[in-house]
Amino acid sequence: MRPELFRLFEQGFPSYFVLLLSGFAFATAMAALGARRLGEDPDVLVDLGLHALLMGVVGSRLLHVVADGYFLDYVHLCTDPSLVDWKIGRAACLSEAYGGVWDAAKSVCHPKASDCFAWAKFWAGGLTYYGGFLGAMVTSWWMLRRDGVPFWKGADLAAPGIATGLVFGRMGCLLAGCCFGAPSDAPWALVFPPGSPASEAQAKVGALASSALASHPVHPTQIYESAASLLIALVCLVVVHPRKRYDGQVFVAFVGLYAVARFALEWLRRDDRGGLLGLSTSQLIGVGLLAFALGLHRVLGRHDLAHPATPA
């Protein structure tokens, strides 16, 4: 676990955010190169990538605030910080990192001061992938339409890059310590250091005496998803794209494959993610996206003869 990837001029750069930006840059570069090969203007894809990054961060932050189970905490941070309980030890509470107020009666930590803009501080962590995906999708649709580029052709160019960008993003999660998995005795299980999100979560449910201790070994779900995303990118590039029958088929394959992989991996995760009916928020969204992908395949596939795909 390494929350800061590096420091420059005494300024720390969060691992997750640096790798997230790297993933977006890589995805944009892949899409631009693909556009050049097909005779499209690569600058359109670069411009699209920058706007998708901005709106993706907005969407991912909003979904985290609303659906990940922290909504009331953000409200109380503004109205009454004493109602926000941080399940951390006294030393960590009073440290410079937290700067909280120790409640000896409840053995919990409270924020020292109110903060009505905590919900907007995306650089402090708390980004949900599906929120970013939906935000970037809406932005992409509007921009491609504005620039006169067929949406499904642009979506096919972007899909392998998005999957590859996820490889970077989940490695950022690993370094930040978020998105951790369930306890495991597998030889590849990971132990996160004291004060990590895994330690805090295990202490909260009584599986660990204190968050000041190292966590029990857990599934490295960040690595699992990173590997799954790389495999999906390869399938899109090597299997689907050369054989696609209609524009949009590569994108449909990416959405469907990722929804299935993410749904399965969610069973192994133990970080707070919200949910309903026994399913996490991401699983519920994944079910919707899988249905969306199957519906798109039926609709777009019907017109493959009348509107043939761009040659690979």
C-alpha atoms as a PDB file:
ATOM      1  CA  MET A   1       0.000   0.000   0.000  1.00  0.00           C
ATOM      2  CA  ARG A   2       1.387   3.379  -1.044  1.00  0.00           C
ATOM      3  CA  PRO A   3      -1.168   6.235  -0.875  1.00  0.00           C
ATOM      4  CA  GLU A   4       1.331   8.709  -2.385  1.00  0.00           C
ATOM      5  CA  LEU A   5       3.079   7.557  -5.534  1.00  0.00           C
ATOM      6  CA  PHE A   6       5.729  10.276  -5.328  1.00  0.00           C
ATOM      7  CA  ARG A   7       6.405  13.762  -3.984  1.00  0.00           C
ATOM      8  CA  LEU A   8       7.510  16.790  -5.982  1.00  0.00           C
ATOM      9  CA  PHE A   9       8.416  20.142  -4.423  1.00  0.00           C
ATOM     10  CA  GLU A  10       7.011  18.901  -1.093  1.00  0.00           C
ATOM     11  CA  GLN A  11       3.678  18.125  -2.747  1.00  0.00           C
ATOM     12  CA  GLY A  12       2.409  14.562  -2.558  1.00  0.00           C
ATOM     13  CA  PHE A  13       0.698  12.988  -5.567  1.00  0.00           C
ATOM     14  CA  PRO A  14      -1.951  10.372  -4.647  1.00  0.00           C
ATOM     15  CA  SER A  15      -1.263   6.986  -6.236  1.00  0.00           C
ATOM     16  CA  TYR A  16      -4.869   6.377  -7.213  1.00  0.00           C
ATOM     17  CA  PHE A  17      -5.344   9.720  -8.940  1.00  0.00           C
ATOM     18  CA  VAL A  18      -1.987   9.563 -10.766  1.00  0.00           C
ATOM     19  CA  LEU A  19      -2.748   6.103 -12.137  1.00  0.00           C
ATOM     20  CA  LEU A  20      -6.318   7.131 -12.962  1.00  0.00           C
ATOM     21  CA  LEU A  21      -4.975   9.992 -15.081  1.00  0.00           C
ATOM     22  CA  SER A  22      -2.432   7.616 -16.653  1.00  0.00           C
ATOM     23  CA  GLY A  23      -5.247   5.250 -17.583  1.00  0.00           C
ATOM     24  CA  PHE A  24      -7.257   8.058 -19.183  1.00  0.00           C
ATOM     25  CA  ALA A  25      -4.189   9.230 -21.119  1.00  0.00           C
ATOM     26  CA  PHE A  26      -3.489   5.706 -22.362  1.00  0.00           C
ATOM     27  CA  ALA A  27      -7.121   5.163 -23.363  1.00  0.00           C
ATOM     28  CA  THR A  28      -7.210   8.485 -25.233  1.00  0.00           C
ATOM     29  CA  ALA A  29      -3.953   7.677 -27.056  1.00  0.00           C
ATOM     30  CA  MET A  30      -5.271   4.274 -28.145  1.00  0.00           C
ATOM     31  CA  ALA A  31      -8.499   5.817 -29.449  1.00  0.00           C
ATOM     32  CA  ALA A  32      -6.622   8.564 -31.305  1.00  0.00           C
ATOM     33  CA  LEU A  33      -4.301   6.055 -32.989  1.00  0.00           C
ATOM     34  CA  GLY A  34      -7.292   3.954 -34.002  1.00  0.00           C
ATOM     35  CA  ALA A  35      -9.003   7.024 -35.458  1.00  0.00           C
ATOM     36  CA  ARG A  36      -5.907   7.856 -37.499  1.00  0.00           C
ATOM     37  CA  ARG A  37      -5.813   4.332 -38.959  1.00  0.00           C
ATOM     38  CA  LEU A  38      -9.457   4.687 -40.048  1.00  0.00           C
ATOM     39  CA  GLY A  39      -8.924   8.109 -41.588  1.00  0.00           C
ATOM     40  CA  GLU A  40     -10.739  10.030 -38.855  1.00  0.00           C
ATOM     41  CA  ASP A  41      -9.416  13.166 -37.183  1.00  0.00           C
ATOM     42  CA  PRO A  42      -7.490  12.020 -34.056  1.00  0.00           C
ATOM     43  CA  ASP A  43      -7.848  15.484 -32.496  1.00  0.00           C
ATOM     44  CA  VAL A  44     -11.561  14.796 -32.086  1.00  0.00           C
ATOM     45  CA  LEU A  45     -10.755  11.782 -29.894  1.00  0.00           C
ATOM     46  CA  VAL A  46      -8.176  13.733 -27.871  1.00  0.00           C
ATOM     47  CA  ASP A  47     -10.721  16.485 -27.240  1.00  0.00           C
ATOM     48  CA  LEU A  48     -13.268  13.820 -26.362  1.00  0.00           C
ATOM     49  CA  GLY A  49     -10.857  12.196 -23.893  1.00  0.00           C
ATOM     50  CA  LEU A  50     -10.297  15.451 -22.010  1.00  0.00           C
ATOM     51  CA  HIS A  51     -14.013  16.156 -21.667  1.00  0.00           C
ATOM     52  CA  ALA A  52     -14.744  12.537 -20.742  1.00  0.00           C
ATOM     53  CA  LEU A  53     -12.098  12.752 -18.004  1.00  0.00           C
ATOM     54  CA  LEU A  54     -13.717  15.829 -16.481  1.00  0.00           C
ATOM     55  CA  MET A  55     -17.283  14.536 -16.587  1.00  0.00           C
ATOM     56  CA  GLY A  56     -16.163  11.034 -15.639  1.00  0.00           C
ATOM     57  CA  VAL A  57     -14.664  12.333 -12.400  1.00  0.00           C
ATOM     58  CA  VAL A  58     -17.850  14.310 -11.708  1.00  0.00           C
ATOM     59  CA  GLY A  59     -20.044  11.278 -12.348  1.00  0.00           C
ATOM     60  CA  SER A  60     -17.892   8.901 -10.323  1.00  0.00           C
ATOM     61  CA  ARG A  61     -17.828  11.260  -7.354  1.00  0.00           C
ATOM     62  CA  LEU A  62     -21.574  11.882  -7.405  1.00  0.00           C
ATOM     63  CA  LEU A  63     -22.384   8.165  -7.498  1.00  0.00           C
ATOM     64  CA  HIS A  64     -19.992   7.562  -4.603  1.00  0.00           C
ATOM     65  CA  VAL A  65     -21.655  10.268  -2.507  1.00  0.00           C
ATOM     66  CA  VAL A  66     -25.188   9.084  -3.273  1.00  0.00           C
ATOM     67  CA  ALA A  67     -24.877   5.290  -3.473  1.00  0.00           C
ATOM     68  CA  ASP A  68     -21.812   4.045  -1.583  1.00  0.00           C
ATOM     69  CA  GLY A  69     -23.357   4.396   1.872  1.00  0.00           C
ATOM     70  CA  TYR A  70     -21.719   7.687   2.915  1.00  0.00           C
ATOM     71  CA  PHE A  71     -24.477  10.136   1.997  1.00  0.00           C
ATOM     72  CA  LEU A  72     -25.535  10.881   5.591  1.00  0.00           C
ATOM     73  CA  ASP A  73     -21.900  11.237   6.657  1.00  0.00           C
ATOM     74  CA  TYR A  74     -21.413  13.974   4.066  1.00  0.00           C
ATOM     75  CA  VAL A  75     -24.610  15.680   5.269  1.00  0.00           C
ATOM     76  CA  HIS A  76     -23.509  15.473   8.909  1.00  0.00           C
ATOM     77  CA  LEU A  77     -20.031  16.754   8.046  1.00  0.00           C
ATOM     78  CA  CYS A  78     -21.753  19.977   7.097  1.00  0.00           C
ATOM     79  CA  THR A  79     -24.477  20.150   9.743  1.00  0.00           C
ATOM     80  CA  ASP A  80     -23.105  18.338  12.829  1.00  0.00           C
ATOM     81  CA  PRO A  81     -19.669  16.636  12.664  1.00  0.00           C
ATOM     82  CA  SER A  82     -20.249  14.982  16.057  1.00  0.00           C
ATOM     83  CA  LEU A  83     -22.647  12.590  14.308  1.00  0.00           C
ATOM     84  CA  VAL A  84     -19.858  11.281  12.082  1.00  0.00           C
ATOM     85  CA  ASP A  85     -18.003   8.341  13.641  1.00  0.00           C
ATOM     86  CA  TRP A  86     -14.558   7.400  12.389  1.00  0.00           C
ATOM     87  CA  LYS A  87     -13.778   3.882  13.616  1.00  0.00           C
ATOM     88  CA  ILE A  88     -10.091   4.529  14.234  1.00  0.00           C
ATOM     89  CA  GLY A  89      -7.873   4.469  17.311  1.00  0.00           C
ATOM     90  CA  ARG A  90      -7.127   7.446  19.539  1.00  0.00           C
ATOM     91  CA  ALA A  91      -3.578   7.914  18.239  1.00  0.00           C
ATOM     92  CA  ALA A  92      -4.719   7.965  14.634  1.00  0.00           C
ATOM     93  CA  CYS A  93      -7.633  10.267  15.514  1.00  0.00           C
ATOM     94  CA  LEU A  94      -5.351  12.884  17.061  1.00  0.00           C
ATOM     95  CA  SER A  95      -2.649  12.517  14.397  1.00  0.00           C
ATOM     96  CA  GLU A  96      -1.962  15.180  11.796  1.00  0.00           C
ATOM     97  CA  ALA A  97      -3.489  12.982   9.090  1.00  0.00           C
ATOM     98  CA  TYR A  98      -6.972  13.014  10.689  1.00  0.00           C
ATOM     99  CA  GLY A  99      -6.899  15.922  13.166  1.00  0.00           C
ATOM    100  CA  GLY A 100     -10.079  14.680  14.800  1.00  0.00           C
ATOM    101  CA  VAL A 101     -11.722  14.863  18.221  1.00  0.00           C
ATOM    102  CA  TRP A 102     -11.525  11.723  20.364  1.00  0.00           C
ATOM    103  CA  ASP A 103     -14.818  10.625  21.971  1.00  0.00           C
ATOM    104  CA  ALA A 104     -13.704   8.542  24.966  1.00  0.00           C
ATOM    105  CA  ALA A 105     -17.257   7.542  25.902  1.00  0.00           C
ATOM    106  CA  LYS A 106     -17.912   5.882  22.536  1.00  0.00           C
ATOM    107  CA  SER A 107     -14.254   5.129  21.692  1.00  0.00           C
ATOM    108  CA  VAL A 108     -14.652   6.726  18.271  1.00  0.00           C
ATOM    109  CA  CYS A 109     -13.225   9.726  16.489  1.00  0.00           C
ATOM    110  CA  HIS A 110     -15.219  12.706  15.212  1.00  0.00           C
ATOM    111  CA  PRO A 111     -14.148  15.359  12.702  1.00  0.00           C
ATOM    112  CA  LYS A 112     -13.003  18.531  14.421  1.00  0.00           C
ATOM    113  CA  ALA A 113     -14.782  21.020  12.181  1.00  0.00           C
ATOM    114  CA  SER A 114     -17.677  21.058   9.752  1.00  0.00           C
ATOM    115  CA  ASP A 115     -16.960  20.829   6.044  1.00  0.00           C
ATOM    116  CA  CYS A 116     -19.853  21.467   3.677  1.00  0.00           C
ATOM    117  CA  PHE A 117     -17.718  20.771   0.611  1.00  0.00           C
ATOM    118  CA  ALA A 118     -16.277  17.394   1.651  1.00  0.00           C
ATOM    119  CA  TRP A 119     -18.552  15.690  -0.883  1.00  0.00           C
ATOM    120  CA  ALA A 120     -16.799  17.527  -3.725  1.00  0.00           C
ATOM    121  CA  LYS A 121     -13.192  16.688  -2.736  1.00  0.00           C
ATOM    122  CA  PHE A 122     -12.640  13.925  -5.286  1.00  0.00           C
ATOM    123  CA  TRP A 123      -8.847  14.093  -4.856  1.00  0.00           C
ATOM    124  CA  ALA A 124      -9.256  12.773  -1.296  1.00  0.00           C
ATOM    125  CA  GLY A 125     -10.620   9.455  -2.597  1.00  0.00           C
ATOM    126  CA  GLY A 126     -14.104   8.101  -3.140  1.00  0.00           C
ATOM    127  CA  LEU A 127     -14.708   7.584  -6.857  1.00  0.00           C
ATOM    128  CA  THR A 128     -17.090   4.963  -8.277  1.00  0.00           C
ATOM    129  CA  TYR A 129     -16.191   3.541 -11.683  1.00  0.00           C
ATOM    130  CA  TYR A 130     -19.713   3.086 -12.986  1.00  0.00           C
ATOM    131  CA  GLY A 131     -20.569   6.690 -12.169  1.00  0.00           C
ATOM    132  CA  GLY A 132     -17.551   7.811 -14.177  1.00  0.00           C
ATOM    133  CA  PHE A 133     -18.452   5.469 -17.025  1.00  0.00           C
ATOM    134  CA  LEU A 134     -22.006   6.824 -17.270  1.00  0.00           C
ATOM    135  CA  GLY A 135     -20.830  10.434 -17.006  1.00  0.00           C
ATOM    136  CA  ALA A 136     -18.217   9.913 -19.720  1.00  0.00           C
ATOM    137  CA  MET A 137     -20.752   8.106 -21.940  1.00  0.00           C
ATOM    138  CA  VAL A 138     -23.218  10.997 -21.915  1.00  0.00           C
ATOM    139  CA  THR A 139     -20.402  13.457 -22.642  1.00  0.00           C
ATOM    140  CA  SER A 140     -19.043  11.283 -25.459  1.00  0.00           C
ATOM    141  CA  TRP A 141     -22.442  10.979 -27.109  1.00  0.00           C
ATOM    142  CA  TRP A 142     -22.905  14.754 -27.096  1.00  0.00           C
ATOM    143  CA  MET A 143     -19.390  15.542 -28.354  1.00  0.00           C
ATOM    144  CA  LEU A 144     -19.275  12.930 -31.117  1.00  0.00           C
ATOM    145  CA  ARG A 145     -22.645  14.125 -32.333  1.00  0.00           C
ATOM    146  CA  ARG A 146     -21.411  17.721 -32.256  1.00  0.00           C
ATOM    147  CA  ASP A 147     -18.296  16.836 -34.268  1.00  0.00           C
ATOM    148  CA  GLY A 148     -20.164  14.729 -36.812  1.00  0.00           C
ATOM    149  CA  VAL A 149     -18.471  11.432 -35.905  1.00  0.00           C
ATOM    150  CA  PRO A 150     -20.781   8.375 -35.888  1.00  0.00           C
ATOM    151  CA  PHE A 151     -21.236   7.508 -32.236  1.00  0.00           C
ATOM    152  CA  TRP A 152     -20.907   3.736 -32.527  1.00  0.00           C
ATOM    153  CA  LYS A 153     -17.760   4.008 -34.605  1.00  0.00           C
ATOM    154  CA  GLY A 154     -16.240   6.264 -31.948  1.00  0.00           C
ATOM    155  CA  ALA A 155     -17.433   3.906 -29.194  1.00  0.00           C
ATOM    156  CA  ASP A 156     -15.656   0.986 -30.890  1.00  0.00           C
ATOM    157  CA  LEU A 157     -12.437   2.995 -30.987  1.00  0.00           C
ATOM    158  CA  ALA A 158     -12.731   3.884 -27.309  1.00  0.00           C
ATOM    159  CA  ALA A 159     -13.761   0.506 -25.854  1.00  0.00           C
ATOM    160  CA  PRO A 160     -10.360  -1.289 -25.829  1.00  0.00           C
ATOM    161  CA  GLY A 161      -8.734   1.856 -24.432  1.00  0.00           C
ATOM    162  CA  ILE A 162     -11.293   2.100 -21.631  1.00  0.00           C
ATOM    163  CA  ALA A 163     -10.624  -1.509 -20.659  1.00  0.00           C
ATOM    164  CA  THR A 164      -6.865  -0.889 -20.717  1.00  0.00           C
ATOM    165  CA  GLY A 165      -7.304   2.275 -18.663  1.00  0.00           C
ATOM    166  CA  LEU A 166      -9.052   0.188 -16.021  1.00  0.00           C
ATOM    167  CA  VAL A 167      -5.861  -1.836 -15.649  1.00  0.00           C
ATOM    168  CA  PHE A 168      -4.100   1.340 -14.484  1.00  0.00           C
ATOM    169  CA  GLY A 169      -7.010   2.461 -12.333  1.00  0.00           C
ATOM    170  CA  ARG A 170      -7.247  -0.760 -10.336  1.00  0.00           C
ATOM    171  CA  MET A 171      -3.507  -0.741  -9.705  1.00  0.00           C
ATOM    172  CA  GLY A 172      -4.097   2.715  -8.245  1.00  0.00           C
ATOM    173  CA  CYS A 173      -6.761   1.172  -5.991  1.00  0.00           C
ATOM    174  CA  LEU A 174      -4.224  -1.416  -4.846  1.00  0.00           C
ATOM    175  CA  LEU A 175      -1.682   1.253  -3.904  1.00  0.00           C
ATOM    176  CA  ALA A 176      -4.355   3.343  -2.166  1.00  0.00           C
ATOM    177  CA  GLY A 177      -5.634   0.296  -0.252  1.00  0.00           C
ATOM    178  CA  CYS A 178      -9.265   0.698  -1.329  1.00  0.00           C
ATOM    179  CA  CYS A 179     -11.526  -1.855  -3.080  1.00  0.00           C
ATOM    180  CA  PHE A 180     -10.053  -4.661  -0.953  1.00  0.00           C
ATOM    181  CA  GLY A 181     -11.412  -8.181  -0.800  1.00  0.00           C
ATOM    182  CA  ALA A 182     -12.759 -10.681   1.695  1.00  0.00           C
ATOM    183  CA  PRO A 183     -10.463 -12.500   4.144  1.00  0.00           C
ATOM    184  CA  SER A 184      -8.574 -15.307   2.443  1.00  0.00           C
ATOM    185  CA  ASP A 185      -5.954 -17.925   3.251  1.00  0.00           C
ATOM    186  CA  ALA A 186      -4.827 -18.196  -0.376  1.00  0.00           C
ATOM    187  CA  PRO A 187      -1.044 -17.984  -0.846  1.00  0.00           C
ATOM    188  CA  TRP A 188      -1.484 -14.803  -2.924  1.00  0.00           C
ATOM    189  CA  ALA A 189      -3.659 -13.035  -0.321  1.00  0.00           C
ATOM    190  CA  LEU A 190      -2.461  -9.576   0.732  1.00  0.00           C
ATOM    191  CA  VAL A 191      -2.031  -8.029   4.173  1.00  0.00           C
ATOM    192  CA  PHE A 192      -2.645  -4.281   4.357  1.00  0.00           C
ATOM    193  CA  PRO A 193      -0.807  -2.117   6.903  1.00  0.00           C
ATOM    194  CA  PRO A 194      -2.257  -0.625  10.111  1.00  0.00           C
ATOM    195  CA  GLY A 195      -4.700   2.201   9.505  1.00  0.00           C
ATOM    196  CA  SER A 196      -5.529   0.967   6.016  1.00  0.00           C
ATOM    197  CA  PRO A 197      -9.141   0.803   4.796  1.00  0.00           C
ATOM    198  CA  ALA A 198      -8.995  -2.993   5.168  1.00  0.00           C
ATOM    199  CA  SER A 199      -7.889  -2.721   8.809  1.00  0.00           C
ATOM    200  CA  GLU A 200     -10.560  -0.136   9.553  1.00  0.00           C
ATOM    201  CA  ALA A 201     -13.289  -2.278   7.973  1.00  0.00           C
ATOM    202  CA  GLN A 202     -12.196  -5.422   9.825  1.00  0.00           C
ATOM    203  CA  ALA A 203     -12.029  -3.533  13.133  1.00  0.00           C
ATOM    204  CA  LYS A 204     -15.500  -2.107  12.494  1.00  0.00           C
ATOM    205  CA  VAL A 205     -17.050  -5.598  12.298  1.00  0.00           C
ATOM    206  CA  GLY A 206     -14.986  -6.952  15.197  1.00  0.00           C
ATOM    207  CA  ALA A 207     -12.739  -9.181  13.089  1.00  0.00           C
ATOM    208  CA  LEU A 208      -9.726  -7.134  14.208  1.00  0.00           C
ATOM    209  CA  ALA A 209      -9.054  -5.802  17.698  1.00  0.00           C
ATOM    210  CA  SER A 210      -8.049  -2.377  16.414  1.00  0.00           C
ATOM    211  CA  SER A 211      -7.529  -0.566  13.134  1.00  0.00           C
ATOM    212  CA  ALA A 212      -4.024   0.170  14.433  1.00  0.00           C
ATOM    213  CA  LEU A 213      -3.170  -3.443  13.561  1.00  0.00           C
ATOM    214  CA  ALA A 214      -2.343  -4.880  10.161  1.00  0.00           C
ATOM    215  CA  SER A 215      -5.312  -6.430   8.405  1.00  0.00           C
ATOM    216  CA  HIS A 216      -5.987 -10.124   8.078  1.00  0.00           C
ATOM    217  CA  PRO A 217      -4.981 -11.500   4.641  1.00  0.00           C
ATOM    218  CA  VAL A 218      -7.565 -10.603   2.007  1.00  0.00           C
ATOM    219  CA  HIS A 219      -8.273 -11.360  -1.625  1.00  0.00           C
ATOM    220  CA  PRO A 220      -6.387  -8.890  -3.884  1.00  0.00           C
ATOM    221  CA  THR A 221      -9.561  -7.991  -5.756  1.00  0.00           C
ATOM    222  CA  GLN A 222      -7.834  -4.961  -7.276  1.00  0.00           C
ATOM    223  CA  ILE A 223      -5.392  -7.298  -9.065  1.00  0.00           C
ATOM    224  CA  TYR A 224      -8.223  -9.625 -10.089  1.00  0.00           C
ATOM    225  CA  GLU A 225     -10.106  -6.779 -11.756  1.00  0.00           C
ATOM    226  CA  SER A 226      -6.970  -5.384 -13.340  1.00  0.00           C
ATOM    227  CA  ALA A 227      -6.245  -8.795 -14.907  1.00  0.00           C
ATOM    228  CA  ALA A 228      -9.875  -9.182 -16.009  1.00  0.00           C
ATOM    229  CA  SER A 229      -9.798  -5.734 -17.649  1.00  0.00           C
ATOM    230  CA  LEU A 230      -6.606  -6.596 -19.530  1.00  0.00           C
ATOM    231  CA  LEU A 231      -8.188  -9.817 -20.777  1.00  0.00           C
ATOM    232  CA  ILE A 232     -11.308  -7.917 -21.894  1.00  0.00           C
ATOM    233  CA  ALA A 233      -9.139  -5.402 -23.777  1.00  0.00           C
ATOM    234  CA  LEU A 234      -7.364  -8.248 -25.586  1.00  0.00           C
ATOM    235  CA  VAL A 235     -10.652  -9.936 -26.490  1.00  0.00           C
ATOM    236  CA  CYS A 236     -12.004  -6.650 -27.872  1.00  0.00           C
ATOM    237  CA  LEU A 237      -8.871  -5.992 -29.924  1.00  0.00           C
ATOM    238  CA  VAL A 238      -7.918  -9.468 -31.100  1.00  0.00           C
ATOM    239  CA  VAL A 239     -11.216 -11.365 -31.265  1.00  0.00           C
ATOM    240  CA  VAL A 240     -14.142  -8.971 -31.672  1.00  0.00           C
ATOM    241  CA  HIS A 241     -12.751  -6.045 -33.658  1.00  0.00           C
ATOM    242  CA  PRO A 242     -11.373  -8.016 -36.648  1.00  0.00           C
ATOM    243  CA  ARG A 243     -14.677  -9.906 -36.950  1.00  0.00           C
ATOM    244  CA  LYS A 244     -17.229  -7.245 -36.100  1.00  0.00           C
ATOM    245  CA  ARG A 245     -20.368  -7.152 -38.226  1.00  0.00           C
ATOM    246  CA  TYR A 246     -21.621  -3.714 -37.225  1.00  0.00           C
ATOM    247  CA  ASP A 247     -20.299  -0.489 -35.721  1.00  0.00           C
ATOM    248  CA  GLY A 248     -20.817  -0.648 -31.973  1.00  0.00           C
ATOM    249  CA  GLN A 249     -20.100  -4.364 -31.604  1.00  0.00           C
ATOM    250  CA  VAL A 250     -16.721  -3.858 -29.890  1.00  0.00           C
ATOM    251  CA  PHE A 251     -18.294  -1.461 -27.407  1.00  0.00           C
ATOM    252  CA  VAL A 252     -21.174  -3.865 -26.757  1.00  0.00           C
ATOM    253  CA  ALA A 253     -18.676  -6.671 -26.092  1.00  0.00           C
ATOM    254  CA  PHE A 254     -16.730  -4.495 -23.643  1.00  0.00           C
ATOM    255  CA  VAL A 255     -19.829  -3.424 -21.703  1.00  0.00           C
ATOM    256  CA  GLY A 256     -21.194  -6.968 -21.472  1.00  0.00           C
ATOM    257  CA  LEU A 257     -17.908  -8.638 -20.532  1.00  0.00           C
ATOM    258  CA  TYR A 258     -17.037  -6.031 -17.924  1.00  0.00           C
ATOM    259  CA  ALA A 259     -20.516  -6.158 -16.382  1.00  0.00           C
ATOM    260  CA  VAL A 260     -20.205  -9.938 -15.940  1.00  0.00           C
ATOM    261  CA  ALA A 261     -16.641  -9.759 -14.568  1.00  0.00           C
ATOM    262  CA  ARG A 262     -17.471  -6.945 -12.166  1.00  0.00           C
ATOM    263  CA  PHE A 263     -20.643  -8.671 -10.956  1.00  0.00           C
ATOM    264  CA  ALA A 264     -18.630 -11.783 -10.061  1.00  0.00           C
ATOM    265  CA  LEU A 265     -15.779  -9.885  -8.390  1.00  0.00           C
ATOM    266  CA  GLU A 266     -18.174  -7.876  -6.234  1.00  0.00           C
ATOM    267  CA  TRP A 267     -18.897 -11.040  -4.220  1.00  0.00           C
ATOM    268  CA  LEU A 268     -15.277 -11.000  -3.069  1.00  0.00           C
ATOM    269  CA  ARG A 269     -15.103  -7.335  -2.083  1.00  0.00           C
ATOM    270  CA  ARG A 270     -15.614  -6.107   1.470  1.00  0.00           C
ATOM    271  CA  ASP A 271     -15.351  -2.315   1.232  1.00  0.00           C
ATOM    272  CA  ASP A 272     -18.494  -0.213   1.710  1.00  0.00           C
ATOM    273  CA  ARG A 273     -20.337  -0.032  -1.621  1.00  0.00           C
ATOM    274  CA  GLY A 274     -23.983   0.426  -0.739  1.00  0.00           C
ATOM    275  CA  GLY A 275     -26.612  -1.826  -2.255  1.00  0.00           C
ATOM    276  CA  LEU A 276     -30.134  -3.189  -2.313  1.00  0.00           C
ATOM    277  CA  LEU A 277     -31.787  -6.626  -2.328  1.00  0.00           C
ATOM    278  CA  GLY A 278     -28.556  -8.316  -1.317  1.00  0.00           C
ATOM    279  CA  LEU A 279     -26.642  -6.867  -4.267  1.00  0.00           C
ATOM    280  CA  SER A 280     -24.118  -4.041  -4.251  1.00  0.00           C
ATOM    281  CA  THR A 281     -24.734  -0.836  -6.188  1.00  0.00           C
ATOM    282  CA  SER A 282     -22.219  -1.932  -8.821  1.00  0.00           C
ATOM    283  CA  GLN A 283     -23.933  -5.306  -9.213  1.00  0.00           C
ATOM    284  CA  LEU A 284     -27.306  -3.636  -9.710  1.00  0.00           C
ATOM    285  CA  ILE A 285     -25.843  -1.275 -12.310  1.00  0.00           C
ATOM    286  CA  GLY A 286     -24.014  -4.211 -13.901  1.00  0.00           C
ATOM    287  CA  VAL A 287     -27.279  -6.117 -14.359  1.00  0.00           C
ATOM    288  CA  GLY A 288     -28.743  -3.065 -16.088  1.00  0.00           C
ATOM    289  CA  LEU A 289     -25.699  -2.620 -18.315  1.00  0.00           C
ATOM    290  CA  LEU A 290     -25.665  -6.296 -19.299  1.00  0.00           C
ATOM    291  CA  ALA A 291     -29.318  -6.040 -20.328  1.00  0.00           C
ATOM    292  CA  PHE A 292     -28.451  -2.823 -22.195  1.00  0.00           C
ATOM    293  CA  ALA A 293     -25.574  -4.564 -24.024  1.00  0.00           C
ATOM    294  CA  LEU A 294     -27.736  -7.535 -25.024  1.00  0.00           C
ATOM    295  CA  GLY A 295     -30.476  -5.205 -26.246  1.00  0.00           C
ATOM    296  CA  LEU A 296     -27.975  -3.156 -28.262  1.00  0.00           C
ATOM    297  CA  HIS A 297     -26.580  -6.310 -29.835  1.00  0.00           C
ATOM    298  CA  ARG A 298     -30.038  -7.305 -31.018  1.00  0.00           C
ATOM    299  CA  VAL A 299     -30.932  -3.840 -32.301  1.00  0.00           C
ATOM    300  CA  LEU A 300     -27.624  -2.980 -33.972  1.00  0.00           C
ATOM    301  CA  GLY A 301     -27.106  -6.510 -35.267  1.00  0.00           C
ATOM    302  CA  ARG A 302     -30.352  -6.361 -37.242  1.00  0.00           C
ATOM    303  CA  HIS A 303     -28.929  -3.583 -39.378  1.00  0.00           C
ATOM    304  CA  ASP A 304     -25.527  -5.107 -40.059  1.00  0.00           C
ATOM    305  CA  LEU A 305     -26.344  -5.689 -43.747  1.00  0.00           C
ATOM    306  CA  ALA A 306     -27.907  -2.284 -44.360  1.00  0.00           C
ATOM    307  CA  HIS A 307     -25.199  -0.496 -42.322  1.00  0.00           C
ATOM    308  CA  PRO A 308     -22.017  -2.579 -42.541  1.00  0.00           C
ATOM    309  CA  ALA A 309     -19.225  -2.073 -40.060  1.00  0.00           C
ATOM    310  CA  THR A 310     -16.135  -0.049 -40.831  1.00  0.00           C
ATOM    311  CA  PRO A 311     -13.474  -2.523 -42.087  1.00  0.00           C
ATOM    312  CA  ALA A 312     -11.025  -3.466 -39.331  1.00  0.00           C
END
